[in-house]
Amino acid sequence: MALHLRRVQYFTDVEKSDLTGDMITYGDFYFVDDEDGFKVSLHEYYDLKKQYEEDNFDQTRLENAQSAAEYRLELERATQEMLTTSLPLRELFSRKILRDE
């Protein structure tokens, strides 16, 4: 299951987001799942991804900080840790995926 990034290239083409039902029109980017054809606009995808990461953020490290400098340092560490742990979960389309199947 990989998401393919696509763009509506012609002004006569219109795609429909399967998530919200909004129209994806000329010039807009969207993702298509190669297994089931699920379509979602680029903006909807990144809004959902950001909301997911915010919901799963660990606040206990920030609550234990004693000063503003320590808080900022802990925030940077927590953000870096969140990005590095979510990196292996990200799957984008590549030629290697096609060869493996």
C-alpha atoms as a PDB file:
ATOM      1  CA  MET A   1       0.000   0.000   0.000  1.00  0.00           C
ATOM      2  CA  ALA A   2       1.691   3.153  -1.194  1.00  0.00           C
ATOM      3  CA  LEU A   3       0.382   6.609  -1.908  1.00  0.00           C
ATOM      4  CA  HIS A   4       1.059   8.121  -5.302  1.00  0.00           C
ATOM      5  CA  LEU A   5       1.224  11.895  -5.575  1.00  0.00           C
ATOM      6  CA  ARG A   6      -0.674  13.175  -8.594  1.00  0.00           C
ATOM      7  CA  ARG A   7      -1.844  16.496  -9.968  1.00  0.00           C
ATOM      8  CA  VAL A   8      -4.916  17.458 -11.961  1.00  0.00           C
ATOM      9  CA  GLN A   9      -3.289  18.606 -15.186  1.00  0.00           C
ATOM     10  CA  TYR A  10      -6.196  19.615 -17.397  1.00  0.00           C
ATOM     11  CA  PHE A  11      -8.832  22.223 -16.598  1.00  0.00           C
ATOM     12  CA  THR A  12     -11.560  19.873 -17.816  1.00  0.00           C
ATOM     13  CA  ASP A  13     -10.595  17.136 -15.329  1.00  0.00           C
ATOM     14  CA  VAL A  14     -12.129  17.064 -11.867  1.00  0.00           C
ATOM     15  CA  GLU A  15     -11.457  14.480  -9.168  1.00  0.00           C
ATOM     16  CA  LYS A  16     -13.468  13.903  -6.003  1.00  0.00           C
ATOM     17  CA  SER A  17     -11.901  13.355  -2.600  1.00  0.00           C
ATOM     18  CA  ASP A  18     -13.099  10.085  -1.075  1.00  0.00           C
ATOM     19  CA  LEU A  19     -12.492  11.488   2.412  1.00  0.00           C
ATOM     20  CA  THR A  20     -14.654  14.609   2.381  1.00  0.00           C
ATOM     21  CA  GLY A  21     -16.294  14.622  -1.036  1.00  0.00           C
ATOM     22  CA  ASP A  22     -14.661  17.930  -1.985  1.00  0.00           C
ATOM     23  CA  MET A  23     -13.695  18.552  -5.578  1.00  0.00           C
ATOM     24  CA  ILE A  24     -10.030  18.398  -6.607  1.00  0.00           C
ATOM     25  CA  THR A  25      -9.714  20.738  -9.562  1.00  0.00           C
ATOM     26  CA  TYR A  26      -7.147  21.946 -12.068  1.00  0.00           C
ATOM     27  CA  GLY A  27      -3.693  22.466 -10.544  1.00  0.00           C
ATOM     28  CA  ASP A  28      -4.463  20.715  -7.252  1.00  0.00           C
ATOM     29  CA  PHE A  29      -2.330  17.867  -5.928  1.00  0.00           C
ATOM     30  CA  TYR A  30      -3.816  14.688  -4.473  1.00  0.00           C
ATOM     31  CA  PHE A  31      -2.768  11.236  -3.288  1.00  0.00           C
ATOM     32  CA  VAL A  32      -4.089   7.975  -4.748  1.00  0.00           C
ATOM     33  CA  ASP A  33      -3.690   4.621  -3.019  1.00  0.00           C
ATOM     34  CA  ASP A  34      -2.492   1.995  -5.487  1.00  0.00           C
ATOM     35  CA  GLU A  35      -4.447  -0.846  -3.871  1.00  0.00           C
ATOM     36  CA  ASP A  36      -7.971   0.499  -3.549  1.00  0.00           C
ATOM     37  CA  GLY A  37      -7.889   3.771  -5.512  1.00  0.00           C
ATOM     38  CA  PHE A  38      -8.679   5.904  -2.443  1.00  0.00           C
ATOM     39  CA  LYS A  39      -8.190   9.598  -3.306  1.00  0.00           C
ATOM     40  CA  VAL A  40      -7.457  12.387  -0.856  1.00  0.00           C
ATOM     41  CA  SER A  41      -6.304  15.930  -1.548  1.00  0.00           C
ATOM     42  CA  LEU A  42      -2.831  16.986  -0.496  1.00  0.00           C
ATOM     43  CA  HIS A  43      -4.160  19.553   1.975  1.00  0.00           C
ATOM     44  CA  GLU A  44      -6.557  17.110   3.629  1.00  0.00           C
ATOM     45  CA  TYR A  45      -3.797  14.502   3.947  1.00  0.00           C
ATOM     46  CA  TYR A  46      -1.328  16.838   5.613  1.00  0.00           C
ATOM     47  CA  ASP A  47      -4.020  18.324   7.898  1.00  0.00           C
ATOM     48  CA  LEU A  48      -4.928  14.811   9.057  1.00  0.00           C
ATOM     49  CA  LYS A  49      -1.282  13.850   9.446  1.00  0.00           C
ATOM     50  CA  LYS A  50      -0.544  16.954  11.529  1.00  0.00           C
ATOM     51  CA  GLN A  51      -3.624  16.355  13.697  1.00  0.00           C
ATOM     52  CA  TYR A  52      -2.581  12.715  14.233  1.00  0.00           C
ATOM     53  CA  GLU A  53       0.927  13.718  15.296  1.00  0.00           C
ATOM     54  CA  GLU A  54      -0.440  16.379  17.664  1.00  0.00           C
ATOM     55  CA  ASP A  55      -2.875  13.914  19.232  1.00  0.00           C
ATOM     56  CA  ASN A  56      -0.122  11.350  19.832  1.00  0.00           C
ATOM     57  CA  PHE A  57       2.423  13.819  21.233  1.00  0.00           C
ATOM     58  CA  ASP A  58       3.844  13.017  24.684  1.00  0.00           C
ATOM     59  CA  GLN A  59       3.245  16.058  26.945  1.00  0.00           C
ATOM     60  CA  THR A  60       4.851  14.650  30.108  1.00  0.00           C
ATOM     61  CA  ARG A  61       8.382  15.677  29.089  1.00  0.00           C
ATOM     62  CA  LEU A  62       7.285  19.274  28.591  1.00  0.00           C
ATOM     63  CA  GLU A  63       5.346  19.375  31.845  1.00  0.00           C
ATOM     64  CA  ASN A  64       8.448  18.337  33.788  1.00  0.00           C
ATOM     65  CA  ALA A  65      10.578  21.213  32.452  1.00  0.00           C
ATOM     66  CA  GLN A  66      11.612  23.731  35.140  1.00  0.00           C
ATOM     67  CA  SER A  67      12.577  26.827  33.118  1.00  0.00           C
ATOM     68  CA  ALA A  68      11.877  28.367  29.733  1.00  0.00           C
ATOM     69  CA  ALA A  69      15.267  27.317  28.353  1.00  0.00           C
ATOM     70  CA  GLU A  70      14.802  23.767  29.596  1.00  0.00           C
ATOM     71  CA  TYR A  71      11.272  23.757  28.197  1.00  0.00           C
ATOM     72  CA  ARG A  72      12.564  24.872  24.766  1.00  0.00           C
ATOM     73  CA  LEU A  73      15.304  22.234  24.850  1.00  0.00           C
ATOM     74  CA  GLU A  74      12.838  19.486  25.806  1.00  0.00           C
ATOM     75  CA  LEU A  75      10.453  20.657  23.097  1.00  0.00           C
ATOM     76  CA  GLU A  76      13.202  20.404  20.478  1.00  0.00           C
ATOM     77  CA  ARG A  77      14.201  16.931  21.720  1.00  0.00           C
ATOM     78  CA  ALA A  78      10.609  15.714  21.763  1.00  0.00           C
ATOM     79  CA  THR A  79       9.956  17.070  18.273  1.00  0.00           C
ATOM     80  CA  GLN A  80      13.118  15.446  16.937  1.00  0.00           C
ATOM     81  CA  GLU A  81      12.201  12.147  18.597  1.00  0.00           C
ATOM     82  CA  MET A  82       8.674  12.279  17.169  1.00  0.00           C
ATOM     83  CA  LEU A  83      10.009  12.905  13.658  1.00  0.00           C
ATOM     84  CA  THR A  84      12.602  10.139  13.851  1.00  0.00           C
ATOM     85  CA  THR A  85      10.124   7.577  15.188  1.00  0.00           C
ATOM     86  CA  SER A  86       7.539   8.382  12.520  1.00  0.00           C
ATOM     87  CA  LEU A  87      10.071   8.278   9.673  1.00  0.00           C
ATOM     88  CA  PRO A  88      10.084   4.465   9.257  1.00  0.00           C
ATOM     89  CA  LEU A  89       6.279   4.473   9.089  1.00  0.00           C
ATOM     90  CA  ARG A  90       6.241   6.729   6.058  1.00  0.00           C
ATOM     91  CA  GLU A  91       5.940   4.886   2.795  1.00  0.00           C
ATOM     92  CA  LEU A  92       6.144   6.632  -0.523  1.00  0.00           C
ATOM     93  CA  PHE A  93       6.015   5.162  -3.977  1.00  0.00           C
ATOM     94  CA  SER A  94       9.308   4.127  -5.527  1.00  0.00           C
ATOM     95  CA  ARG A  95      10.590   1.752  -8.183  1.00  0.00           C
ATOM     96  CA  LYS A  96      11.822  -0.577  -5.422  1.00  0.00           C
ATOM     97  CA  ILE A  97       8.232  -1.188  -4.297  1.00  0.00           C
ATOM     98  CA  LEU A  98       7.310  -2.273  -7.816  1.00  0.00           C
ATOM     99  CA  ARG A  99      10.242  -4.729  -7.971  1.00  0.00           C
ATOM    100  CA  ASP A 100       9.351  -6.273  -4.598  1.00  0.00           C
ATOM    101  CA  GLU A 101       5.800  -7.164  -5.625  1.00  0.00           C
END
